[in-house]
Amino acid sequence: MLIRILLPLSALTIAAHSQTVLVKPYVQPGNGASLNGTDVKVLTWLTDQKPGEFAVEYGVAGQPVQAAKAVRLALDFAPAKPKPGSKPAVPVTPKNPATTVEEIKDMITKEAAPVISEVAQHYFRYRSELAGLPFDSEIAYRVSLAGAVVREGVFRTRASATQPIRFVAVGDLANGKSEQNAIAFQIAQQKPGFLVALGDIVYSGGRANQYMHHFWTTYNDVAAPGEKTGAPLMASIPFYPVIGNHDADNAKLPDYPDAFSAFYFFSVPKNGPGIGAWNLPLGKDAKVAATFRARAGAEYPALSEYSFDYGPAHIVCLDTNTYTTPEAIQQWLAKDLLASKQPWKFVCFHAPAFHTSPQHYSEQKMRLLEPTFEKCGVDVVFAGHVHNYQRSKPLRFTPNPPKRDPRGRVNGTFTFDAKFDGVTNTKPDGIIHIVSGGGGATLYKTDFAKTVAKMTAETPENYQPLTEKFTADQHSFSLVDLTPTTFELRQISIKGEELDHFKITK
């Protein structure tokens, strides 16, 4: 095995020690955005709060082994004390005529996660930055504690602009159901270079205790990969997080002291618009907000908006939660997209601008950015939030004034490319929108024909026949193979079967 050749250690078994590793080291993107200079990755892991000293070693095969420092941070969370009778709210759209009361109740039930007992939580989070990494390279690493191996693994650095890449985009991942394990296992079979998590990373409130109970056990701390157990994806595959409503809008400070934990557990490029009106609000308690900021460091507000280059792709990740307005980030977004020279441009966010499901139908504010996407050369937009798979026709959209009605809907003028088929005609005139929200949360098994009939009758000023492909009865994820001139997407089911397949060429 490469790691054993590269990083020899005398002790290759876990020795007895007092400190307990609760979450094994996993790979994060770190502050690597452009393809200039070198790459960087961050190893992160969690332990109890007993003392211990870690050693981190890494390197490229045939080159000198390097050591990295492990920086420790204490994470202490008191038990949640919600107000009597309250619980984290599930955003719904009761004013949407296309959503019945029964569908709303069904949606709330489906998004529920297992109840976790409220206890105090005390962790040490360790972070180790692996800097100066050459692009297009395989890096071996080893983390040890008191001479015993905690984890050894291999990951690849970002590909340079001319190299082909493979990545996964999928949202609505971990709510403690068995389907998330099978999806993680199927993702591992495809061997992607990285994964974009399209929001709602953990249910139901993005809290630390929810990560501990039903996130790491599927995607990171898996001894024997399988359909029933998941796969240790994060040991070698960086996850790029997108903030969804269940990550930041459902459980808030100070009622839930371990809320917003994505900002503690992930590390992303720091090239977003910075502090502004678009940021996740931290509440009125200045002391609580200061504690959160100290723990999150530069990841707040970085996780909400950022971009990165990977191979021939430029990818932008945005926050679509209730506290955001598209207009607020439009200037930064346009500048970022226009500055990129990459042949492919993708935008990723949680709540889709265009889809054909009754659930979340009126959450259409991201439609306001469609003219910016078109002007700046965006090829494909990825979203989650709606728990199924949908692919739009290539479309162009111009919002009509007034921009939004009281229900959140955005009306406008559509133009569709009816000639594109993704097989023989592979040059779309317009942007393709993908909904890939089948990562593990219970599906929205919408009847497509009934939904179309209902929307056509009840919202004729808003609904358009924009959906080309629709699969609501199987969990799935989007697998993308990309070269400088070709984009190929396969939608892979929980059984490893192909649900959709299309190509775009430059």
Protein backbone atom coordinates (compact mmCIF):
# COMPACT_ATOMS: atom_id res chain seq x y z
CA MET A 1 0.00 0.00 0.00
CA LEU A 2 1.32 3.44 -0.96
CA ILE A 3 0.90 4.92 2.49
CA ARG A 4 3.01 2.23 4.12
CA ILE A 5 5.84 2.83 1.66
CA LEU A 6 5.64 6.58 1.95
CA LEU A 7 5.16 7.02 5.68
CA PRO A 8 6.74 4.11 7.57
CA LEU A 9 5.93 3.88 11.24
CA SER A 10 6.99 1.28 13.75
CA ALA A 11 3.53 1.04 15.29
CA LEU A 12 0.73 0.15 12.88
CA THR A 13 -1.85 -0.94 15.43
CA ILE A 14 -3.80 1.15 17.90
CA ALA A 15 -2.09 1.22 21.24
CA ALA A 16 -3.82 1.82 24.56
CA HIS A 17 -4.13 5.52 25.37
CA SER A 18 -6.41 7.76 27.33
CA GLN A 19 -7.74 9.96 24.55
CA THR A 20 -10.64 8.65 22.47
CA VAL A 21 -11.00 9.53 18.80
CA LEU A 22 -14.70 10.14 18.17
CA VAL A 23 -14.50 11.08 14.48
CA LYS A 24 -11.54 9.89 12.43
CA PRO A 25 -9.54 12.37 10.33
CA TYR A 26 -11.30 13.41 7.14
CA VAL A 27 -10.21 15.50 4.14
CA GLN A 28 -11.54 18.99 3.51
CA PRO A 29 -10.87 21.41 0.62
CA GLY A 30 -9.35 24.19 2.73
CA ASN A 31 -8.59 27.63 1.34
CA GLY A 32 -7.82 26.53 -2.19
CA ALA A 33 -9.75 28.42 -4.87
CA SER A 34 -7.63 29.19 -7.95
CA LEU A 35 -5.36 26.86 -9.90
CA ASN A 36 -2.34 29.12 -9.41
CA GLY A 37 0.61 28.08 -7.26
CA THR A 38 -0.16 25.00 -5.18
CA ASP A 39 -3.12 23.25 -3.60
CA VAL A 40 -4.08 22.88 0.04
CA LYS A 41 -6.18 20.41 2.01
CA VAL A 42 -7.27 20.30 5.66
CA LEU A 43 -7.53 17.20 7.83
CA THR A 44 -10.13 17.48 10.60
CA TRP A 45 -11.05 15.08 13.41
CA LEU A 46 -12.82 15.02 16.79
CA THR A 47 -11.91 13.51 20.14
CA ASP A 48 -13.07 13.62 23.71
CA GLN A 49 -11.39 16.19 25.95
CA LYS A 50 -8.69 14.04 27.46
CA PRO A 51 -5.09 15.09 26.72
CA GLY A 52 -3.20 13.66 23.78
CA GLU A 53 -0.57 14.52 21.16
CA PHE A 54 -1.13 13.77 17.49
CA ALA A 55 1.45 13.41 14.73
CA VAL A 56 0.46 14.23 11.14
CA GLU A 57 2.64 13.16 8.21
CA TYR A 58 1.99 13.51 4.50
CA GLY A 59 3.67 13.65 1.14
CA VAL A 60 3.88 12.68 -2.51
CA ALA A 61 5.34 9.29 -3.33
CA GLY A 62 9.07 9.57 -3.91
CA GLN A 63 9.36 12.95 -2.18
CA PRO A 64 10.39 13.82 1.39
CA VAL A 65 7.76 13.24 4.05
CA GLN A 66 6.39 16.41 5.64
CA ALA A 67 4.91 16.98 9.07
CA ALA A 68 1.91 19.20 9.81
CA LYS A 69 0.80 20.74 13.07
CA ALA A 70 -2.52 19.71 14.62
CA VAL A 71 -4.37 22.74 16.02
CA ARG A 72 -6.84 21.96 18.79
CA LEU A 73 -10.11 23.73 19.58
CA ALA A 74 -12.49 22.94 22.45
CA LEU A 75 -16.14 22.64 21.48
CA ASP A 76 -18.47 22.70 24.49
CA PHE A 77 -22.24 22.69 24.02
CA ALA A 78 -24.84 22.83 26.77
CA PRO A 79 -28.02 20.78 26.25
CA ALA A 80 -30.62 22.51 24.14
CA LYS A 81 -33.37 24.29 26.04
CA PRO A 82 -36.12 25.04 23.53
CA LYS A 83 -39.15 26.92 24.69
CA PRO A 84 -41.93 24.71 26.06
CA GLY A 85 -43.77 23.01 23.24
CA SER A 86 -41.43 24.30 20.55
CA LYS A 87 -39.31 22.41 18.06
CA PRO A 88 -37.23 23.32 15.02
CA ALA A 89 -39.62 24.45 12.33
CA VAL A 90 -39.75 22.84 8.91
CA PRO A 91 -40.22 25.57 6.28
CA VAL A 92 -43.32 24.94 4.20
CA THR A 93 -45.28 26.95 1.68
CA PRO A 94 -48.90 26.92 2.87
CA LYS A 95 -49.86 29.85 0.61
CA ASN A 96 -48.89 27.91 -2.48
CA PRO A 97 -52.11 26.81 -4.21
CA ALA A 98 -50.29 23.83 -5.70
CA THR A 99 -49.55 22.41 -2.23
CA THR A 100 -52.37 20.77 -0.31
CA VAL A 101 -52.58 20.51 3.47
CA GLU A 102 -52.04 16.77 3.19
CA GLU A 103 -48.88 17.28 1.11
CA ILE A 104 -47.51 19.74 3.65
CA LYS A 105 -48.11 17.32 6.53
CA ASP A 106 -46.49 14.56 4.52
CA MET A 107 -43.48 16.78 3.81
CA ILE A 108 -43.00 17.57 7.51
CA THR A 109 -43.18 13.89 8.42
CA LYS A 110 -40.69 12.93 5.73
CA GLU A 111 -38.13 15.53 6.80
CA ALA A 112 -38.23 14.46 10.45
CA ALA A 113 -35.02 12.94 11.83
CA PRO A 114 -34.62 10.57 14.80
CA VAL A 115 -34.95 12.27 18.19
CA ILE A 116 -31.62 12.52 20.03
CA SER A 117 -31.40 12.83 23.80
CA GLU A 118 -30.31 16.25 25.03
CA VAL A 119 -27.00 16.03 26.90
CA ALA A 120 -23.98 18.29 27.26
CA GLN A 121 -21.37 17.77 24.54
CA HIS A 122 -17.63 18.24 24.97
CA TYR A 123 -15.20 17.69 22.09
CA PHE A 124 -11.74 18.63 20.95
CA ARG A 125 -11.68 19.47 17.25
CA TYR A 126 -8.29 19.09 15.60
CA ARG A 127 -7.33 20.68 12.30
CA SER A 128 -4.18 20.15 10.33
CA GLU A 129 -3.46 22.15 7.16
CA LEU A 130 -1.53 20.35 4.44
CA ALA A 131 -0.13 23.17 2.32
CA GLY A 132 2.11 23.43 -0.73
CA LEU A 133 0.57 20.42 -2.49
CA PRO A 134 1.22 20.03 -6.22
CA PHE A 135 -1.83 19.82 -8.47
CA ASP A 136 -2.64 16.55 -10.27
CA SER A 137 -1.03 14.54 -7.48
CA GLU A 138 -1.82 11.71 -5.11
CA ILE A 139 -1.07 12.58 -1.50
CA ALA A 140 -0.67 9.98 1.24
CA TYR A 141 -1.26 10.95 4.85
CA ARG A 142 -1.10 9.37 8.26
CA VAL A 143 -2.41 10.60 11.59
CA SER A 144 -1.15 8.87 14.71
CA LEU A 145 -1.72 9.25 18.44
CA ALA A 146 0.93 8.10 20.90
CA GLY A 147 2.59 6.07 18.17
CA ALA A 148 -0.64 4.35 17.13
CA VAL A 149 -2.27 4.87 13.75
CA VAL A 150 -5.61 6.68 13.89
CA ARG A 151 -6.10 6.86 10.12
CA GLU A 152 -3.96 6.56 7.04
CA GLY A 153 -5.27 7.40 3.62
CA VAL A 154 -4.72 8.80 0.17
CA PHE A 155 -6.41 11.72 -1.60
CA ARG A 156 -5.88 13.56 -4.86
CA THR A 157 -5.19 17.26 -5.14
CA ARG A 158 -7.22 19.41 -7.49
CA ALA A 159 -6.75 18.76 -11.17
CA SER A 160 -5.19 21.43 -13.37
CA ALA A 161 -7.36 23.13 -15.99
CA THR A 162 -6.69 20.74 -18.89
CA GLN A 163 -7.28 17.51 -16.96
CA PRO A 164 -10.53 15.49 -16.90
CA ILE A 165 -12.39 15.31 -13.59
CA ARG A 166 -15.23 13.34 -12.01
CA PHE A 167 -17.41 14.69 -9.22
CA VAL A 168 -20.72 14.07 -7.45
CA ALA A 169 -23.44 16.61 -6.67
CA VAL A 170 -26.17 15.55 -4.25
CA GLY A 171 -28.21 17.09 -1.46
CA ASP A 172 -30.44 16.22 1.47
CA LEU A 173 -28.07 13.66 2.87
CA ALA A 174 -28.31 12.50 6.47
CA ASN A 175 -31.50 12.13 8.45
CA GLY A 176 -30.66 8.80 10.06
CA LYS A 177 -32.41 6.60 7.50
CA SER A 178 -30.94 3.48 5.91
CA GLU A 179 -31.08 4.92 2.38
CA GLN A 180 -28.24 7.33 3.11
CA ASN A 181 -25.90 4.39 3.70
CA ALA A 182 -26.76 2.78 0.38
CA ILE A 183 -26.27 6.06 -1.49
CA ALA A 184 -22.89 6.64 0.19
CA PHE A 185 -21.81 3.15 -0.83
CA GLN A 186 -22.88 3.71 -4.44
CA ILE A 187 -21.02 7.03 -4.54
CA ALA A 188 -17.87 5.26 -3.37
CA GLN A 189 -18.16 2.78 -6.26
CA GLN A 190 -17.90 5.67 -8.74
CA LYS A 191 -14.63 7.00 -7.26
CA PRO A 192 -15.26 10.76 -7.67
CA GLY A 193 -12.54 13.31 -7.03
CA PHE A 194 -14.82 15.45 -4.85
CA LEU A 195 -18.44 15.86 -3.76
CA VAL A 196 -20.63 18.97 -3.63
CA ALA A 197 -23.18 18.51 -0.81
CA LEU A 198 -26.19 20.52 -2.04
CA GLY A 199 -27.48 21.52 1.38
CA ASP A 200 -29.40 19.88 4.22
CA ILE A 201 -26.25 18.01 5.09
CA VAL A 202 -27.67 16.69 8.37
CA TYR A 203 -31.21 16.63 9.77
CA SER A 204 -33.10 18.10 11.30
CA GLY A 205 -31.22 21.16 12.49
CA GLY A 206 -27.55 21.03 11.48
CA ARG A 207 -26.55 20.39 15.09
CA ALA A 208 -23.37 18.78 16.41
CA ASN A 209 -25.26 15.96 18.11
CA GLN A 210 -26.94 15.12 14.78
CA TYR A 211 -23.57 14.94 13.02
CA MET A 212 -22.37 12.60 15.74
CA HIS A 213 -25.40 10.31 15.58
CA HIS A 214 -26.12 9.99 11.89
CA PHE A 215 -23.58 11.73 9.65
CA TRP A 216 -20.04 10.60 10.40
CA THR A 217 -21.22 7.01 10.80
CA THR A 218 -22.33 6.94 7.16
CA TYR A 219 -19.68 9.00 5.33
CA ASN A 220 -16.52 8.76 7.42
CA ASP A 221 -16.31 6.26 10.29
CA VAL A 222 -17.22 3.11 8.41
CA ALA A 223 -15.13 0.02 9.10
CA ALA A 224 -16.63 -2.21 6.39
CA PRO A 225 -18.19 -0.39 3.40
CA GLY A 226 -21.51 -1.72 2.20
CA GLU A 227 -25.07 -0.86 1.25
CA LYS A 228 -26.15 -1.18 4.88
CA THR A 229 -23.16 0.62 6.42
CA GLY A 230 -22.15 3.40 4.03
CA ALA A 231 -18.57 4.18 2.99
CA PRO A 232 -15.64 6.18 4.42
CA LEU A 233 -15.86 8.71 1.59
CA MET A 234 -14.45 11.61 3.59
CA ALA A 235 -11.19 9.81 4.28
CA SER A 236 -10.20 10.52 0.68
CA ILE A 237 -12.89 12.67 -1.00
CA PRO A 238 -13.28 16.36 -0.07
CA PHE A 239 -16.86 17.47 0.56
CA TYR A 240 -17.72 21.01 -0.57
CA PRO A 241 -20.70 22.05 1.58
CA VAL A 242 -23.69 24.13 0.53
CA ILE A 243 -25.72 25.63 3.37
CA GLY A 244 -29.36 24.49 3.35
CA ASN A 245 -32.34 25.29 5.54
CA HIS A 246 -31.74 22.29 7.79
CA ASP A 247 -28.13 23.42 8.22
CA ALA A 248 -28.87 26.97 9.35
CA ASP A 249 -32.53 27.93 9.24
CA ASN A 250 -34.20 25.30 11.43
CA ALA A 251 -32.27 25.24 14.72
CA LYS A 252 -30.86 28.55 15.90
CA LEU A 253 -28.72 30.06 18.62
CA PRO A 254 -29.08 30.35 21.57
CA ASP A 255 -31.90 27.79 22.03
CA TYR A 256 -29.72 25.16 20.36
CA PRO A 257 -26.11 25.82 21.48
CA ASP A 258 -24.72 23.29 18.97
CA ALA A 259 -26.56 24.81 16.00
CA PHE A 260 -24.77 25.89 12.78
CA SER A 261 -22.20 23.11 13.26
CA ALA A 262 -21.33 22.99 9.56
CA PHE A 263 -19.22 26.07 10.28
CA TYR A 264 -17.17 24.02 12.79
CA PHE A 265 -16.77 20.84 10.77
CA PHE A 266 -16.07 22.00 7.21
CA SER A 267 -13.32 24.15 5.70
CA VAL A 268 -13.73 25.91 2.34
CA PRO A 269 -12.12 28.61 0.16
CA LYS A 270 -12.24 32.09 1.70
CA ASN A 271 -13.01 34.08 -1.43
CA GLY A 272 -16.67 34.99 -0.83
CA PRO A 273 -18.18 38.45 -0.38
CA GLY A 274 -17.32 38.53 3.34
CA ILE A 275 -19.43 40.07 6.07
CA GLY A 276 -22.67 41.66 4.90
CA ALA A 277 -26.45 41.62 4.91
CA TRP A 278 -26.41 38.20 3.19
CA ASN A 279 -24.81 36.44 6.18
CA LEU A 280 -26.42 33.91 8.48
CA PRO A 281 -27.78 35.98 11.42
CA LEU A 282 -26.40 34.99 14.82
CA GLY A 283 -29.16 36.39 17.02
CA LYS A 284 -29.34 39.28 19.46
CA ASP A 285 -27.18 37.80 22.22
CA ALA A 286 -23.74 39.34 21.63
CA LYS A 287 -21.96 36.87 23.92
CA VAL A 288 -23.47 33.86 22.14
CA ALA A 289 -22.59 35.35 18.75
CA ALA A 290 -19.02 36.04 19.85
CA THR A 291 -18.61 32.45 21.07
CA PHE A 292 -19.84 31.12 17.75
CA ARG A 293 -17.52 33.40 15.78
CA ALA A 294 -14.54 32.32 17.88
CA ARG A 295 -15.28 28.65 17.23
CA ALA A 296 -16.08 29.03 13.53
CA GLY A 297 -13.13 31.32 12.77
CA ALA A 298 -12.83 32.22 9.08
CA GLU A 299 -15.36 29.54 8.08
CA TYR A 300 -18.01 32.08 9.10
CA PRO A 301 -19.14 33.51 6.80
CA ALA A 302 -17.03 31.65 4.21
CA LEU A 303 -19.26 28.57 3.98
CA SER A 304 -22.24 30.57 2.76
CA GLU A 305 -20.73 31.90 -0.48
CA TYR A 306 -17.50 30.79 -2.12
CA SER A 307 -16.11 29.51 -5.41
CA PHE A 308 -13.30 27.29 -6.62
CA ASP A 309 -11.62 25.96 -9.75
CA TYR A 310 -11.21 22.23 -10.22
CA GLY A 311 -9.93 20.93 -13.55
CA PRO A 312 -11.83 22.73 -16.34
CA ALA A 313 -14.66 23.73 -13.97
CA HIS A 314 -15.41 26.91 -12.06
CA ILE A 315 -17.96 26.17 -9.32
CA VAL A 316 -19.84 28.71 -7.19
CA CYS A 317 -21.66 27.71 -3.99
CA LEU A 318 -24.43 29.97 -2.63
CA ASP A 319 -26.72 30.16 0.41
CA THR A 320 -30.46 30.37 -0.41
CA ASN A 321 -31.94 30.48 3.10
CA THR A 322 -34.68 32.85 4.27
CA TYR A 323 -32.23 35.49 5.52
CA THR A 324 -30.62 35.87 2.07
CA THR A 325 -31.65 37.99 -0.89
CA PRO A 326 -30.28 37.29 -4.37
CA GLU A 327 -29.88 41.00 -5.05
CA ALA A 328 -27.44 41.35 -2.13
CA ILE A 329 -24.85 39.00 -3.62
CA GLN A 330 -25.46 39.74 -7.30
CA GLN A 331 -22.50 42.10 -7.66
CA TRP A 332 -20.03 39.67 -6.08
CA LEU A 333 -21.48 36.77 -8.05
CA ALA A 334 -21.18 38.52 -11.41
CA LYS A 335 -17.63 39.64 -10.69
CA ASP A 336 -16.61 36.14 -9.64
CA LEU A 337 -18.15 34.42 -12.67
CA LEU A 338 -16.86 36.95 -15.20
CA ALA A 339 -13.35 36.74 -13.79
CA SER A 340 -13.17 33.00 -14.40
CA LYS A 341 -11.50 31.77 -17.59
CA GLN A 342 -12.56 28.14 -17.04
CA PRO A 343 -14.46 26.60 -19.98
CA TRP A 344 -17.27 25.36 -17.69
CA LYS A 345 -19.19 27.33 -15.06
CA PHE A 346 -21.52 25.73 -12.54
CA VAL A 347 -23.57 27.24 -9.72
CA CYS A 348 -24.69 25.18 -6.72
CA PHE A 349 -27.27 26.10 -4.10
CA HIS A 350 -29.97 24.43 -2.03
CA ALA A 351 -33.47 25.66 -2.94
CA PRO A 352 -34.01 25.23 -6.70
CA ALA A 353 -35.19 28.08 -8.88
CA PHE A 354 -37.02 25.78 -11.28
CA HIS A 355 -38.71 22.45 -10.58
CA THR A 356 -42.05 20.63 -10.85
CA SER A 357 -42.98 19.43 -7.37
CA PRO A 358 -45.61 20.84 -5.02
CA GLN A 359 -43.16 20.82 -2.12
CA HIS A 360 -41.24 24.10 -1.87
CA TYR A 361 -42.73 25.24 -5.17
CA SER A 362 -43.12 28.90 -4.18
CA GLU A 363 -39.51 29.30 -3.04
CA GLN A 364 -38.47 30.88 -6.33
CA LYS A 365 -36.31 33.84 -5.36
CA MET A 366 -33.19 32.39 -7.02
CA ARG A 367 -34.91 32.92 -10.36
CA LEU A 368 -33.92 36.55 -9.96
CA LEU A 369 -30.29 35.58 -10.62
CA GLU A 370 -31.04 33.82 -13.89
CA PRO A 371 -30.17 36.86 -16.06
CA THR A 372 -26.82 37.08 -14.23
CA PHE A 373 -26.17 33.39 -14.82
CA GLU A 374 -26.90 33.83 -18.53
CA LYS A 375 -24.76 36.95 -18.88
CA CYS A 376 -21.84 35.30 -17.10
CA GLY A 377 -21.87 32.04 -19.06
CA VAL A 378 -23.20 29.54 -16.50
CA ASP A 379 -23.75 26.11 -18.06
CA VAL A 380 -25.56 24.10 -15.38
CA VAL A 381 -27.17 24.94 -12.03
CA PHE A 382 -27.35 22.25 -9.32
CA ALA A 383 -29.78 22.30 -6.37
CA GLY A 384 -31.27 20.01 -3.74
CA HIS A 385 -34.11 20.72 -1.26
CA VAL A 386 -36.73 18.85 -3.29
CA HIS A 387 -36.19 15.18 -2.47
CA ASN A 388 -36.11 13.66 -5.94
CA TYR A 389 -34.33 14.08 -9.28
CA GLN A 390 -35.33 16.58 -11.96
CA ARG A 391 -33.65 17.91 -15.08
CA SER A 392 -34.95 20.98 -16.85
CA LYS A 393 -34.95 21.71 -20.52
CA PRO A 394 -32.28 24.24 -21.52
CA LEU A 395 -33.97 27.51 -20.62
CA ARG A 396 -33.65 31.26 -20.55
CA PHE A 397 -35.71 33.28 -18.10
CA THR A 398 -36.41 37.00 -17.71
CA PRO A 399 -38.21 38.03 -14.48
CA ASN A 400 -41.26 40.25 -14.87
CA PRO A 401 -41.95 43.20 -12.59
CA PRO A 402 -43.00 43.09 -9.84
CA LYS A 403 -40.16 40.73 -9.12
CA ARG A 404 -41.86 38.61 -6.45
CA ASP A 405 -45.44 38.09 -5.36
CA PRO A 406 -46.33 37.73 -1.65
CA ARG A 407 -45.99 33.95 -1.88
CA GLY A 408 -42.39 34.14 -3.04
CA ARG A 409 -43.09 33.16 -6.62
CA VAL A 410 -41.24 34.90 -9.45
CA ASN A 411 -43.13 35.17 -12.73
CA GLY A 412 -41.38 35.86 -15.99
CA THR A 413 -40.79 35.02 -19.62
CA PHE A 414 -39.36 31.62 -20.57
CA THR A 415 -37.57 30.49 -23.69
CA PHE A 416 -36.88 26.76 -24.08
CA ASP A 417 -34.51 24.90 -26.38
CA ALA A 418 -36.67 22.09 -27.79
CA LYS A 419 -33.93 20.73 -30.06
CA PHE A 420 -31.42 19.75 -27.36
CA ASP A 421 -31.55 16.03 -26.52
CA GLY A 422 -28.15 15.50 -24.89
CA VAL A 423 -27.35 12.66 -27.30
CA THR A 424 -27.19 13.88 -30.91
CA ASN A 425 -27.82 17.57 -30.23
CA THR A 426 -25.44 18.38 -27.39
CA LYS A 427 -25.17 22.17 -27.58
CA PRO A 428 -27.97 23.63 -25.46
CA ASP A 429 -29.32 27.11 -26.00
CA GLY A 430 -29.85 28.03 -22.36
CA ILE A 431 -29.03 26.82 -18.86
CA ILE A 432 -29.91 23.35 -17.61
CA HIS A 433 -31.14 23.17 -14.01
CA ILE A 434 -30.62 19.95 -12.04
CA VAL A 435 -32.45 19.03 -8.83
CA SER A 436 -30.54 16.25 -7.07
CA GLY A 437 -32.15 16.01 -3.65
CA GLY A 438 -32.29 12.24 -3.27
CA GLY A 439 -29.18 11.74 -1.14
CA GLY A 440 -30.83 10.03 1.82
CA ALA A 441 -33.78 11.97 3.20
CA THR A 442 -37.17 10.39 2.56
CA LEU A 443 -38.33 11.01 -0.99
CA TYR A 444 -40.99 13.40 -2.23
CA LYS A 445 -42.80 10.84 -4.36
CA THR A 446 -44.73 13.38 -6.34
CA ASP A 447 -47.04 12.18 -9.10
CA PHE A 448 -45.67 14.18 -12.00
CA ALA A 449 -48.73 14.11 -14.25
CA LYS A 450 -51.09 15.13 -11.45
CA THR A 451 -48.72 17.90 -10.37
CA VAL A 452 -48.50 19.29 -13.91
CA ALA A 453 -52.28 19.23 -14.28
CA LYS A 454 -52.78 20.97 -10.93
CA MET A 455 -50.18 23.67 -11.59
CA THR A 456 -51.44 24.29 -15.11
CA ALA A 457 -54.94 24.85 -13.78
CA GLU A 458 -54.13 26.77 -10.60
CA THR A 459 -50.96 28.76 -11.35
CA PRO A 460 -51.08 29.46 -15.10
CA GLU A 461 -49.23 32.76 -14.66
CA ASN A 462 -46.26 30.94 -13.09
CA TYR A 463 -46.07 27.32 -14.18
CA GLN A 464 -44.30 26.37 -17.41
CA PRO A 465 -43.55 22.88 -18.80
CA LEU A 466 -39.84 23.16 -18.06
CA THR A 467 -39.03 19.65 -16.80
CA GLU A 468 -37.40 17.21 -19.23
CA LYS A 469 -36.60 14.33 -16.84
CA PHE A 470 -38.29 13.46 -13.54
CA THR A 471 -37.62 10.55 -11.14
CA ALA A 472 -39.23 10.66 -7.71
CA ASP A 473 -39.38 7.03 -6.62
CA GLN A 474 -35.66 6.32 -6.12
CA HIS A 475 -32.86 7.90 -4.13
CA SER A 476 -30.06 8.97 -6.43
CA PHE A 477 -27.06 11.26 -7.02
CA SER A 478 -25.59 13.19 -9.93
CA LEU A 479 -22.28 11.93 -11.31
CA VAL A 480 -20.43 14.31 -13.64
CA ASP A 481 -17.52 13.53 -15.94
CA LEU A 482 -15.92 16.66 -17.33
CA THR A 483 -13.23 17.52 -19.85
CA PRO A 484 -12.44 20.96 -21.29
CA THR A 485 -14.92 20.25 -24.11
CA THR A 486 -17.46 17.73 -22.77
CA PHE A 487 -19.88 17.56 -19.83
CA GLU A 488 -21.55 14.21 -19.17
CA LEU A 489 -24.05 13.65 -16.37
CA ARG A 490 -25.34 10.30 -15.19
CA GLN A 491 -27.98 10.11 -12.50
CA ILE A 492 -27.18 6.99 -10.48
CA SER A 493 -29.82 5.29 -8.36
CA ILE A 494 -29.57 3.73 -4.93
CA LYS A 495 -29.20 0.39 -6.74
CA GLY A 496 -26.35 1.65 -8.91
CA GLU A 497 -28.56 1.90 -11.99
CA GLU A 498 -28.57 4.76 -14.50
CA LEU A 499 -31.72 6.91 -14.29
CA ASP A 500 -30.64 9.64 -16.69
CA HIS A 501 -27.71 10.30 -19.00
CA PHE A 502 -27.01 13.33 -21.16
CA LYS A 503 -24.06 15.19 -22.65
CA ILE A 504 -23.16 18.81 -23.33
CA THR A 505 -20.33 19.75 -25.68
CA LYS A 506 -18.51 23.03 -26.21
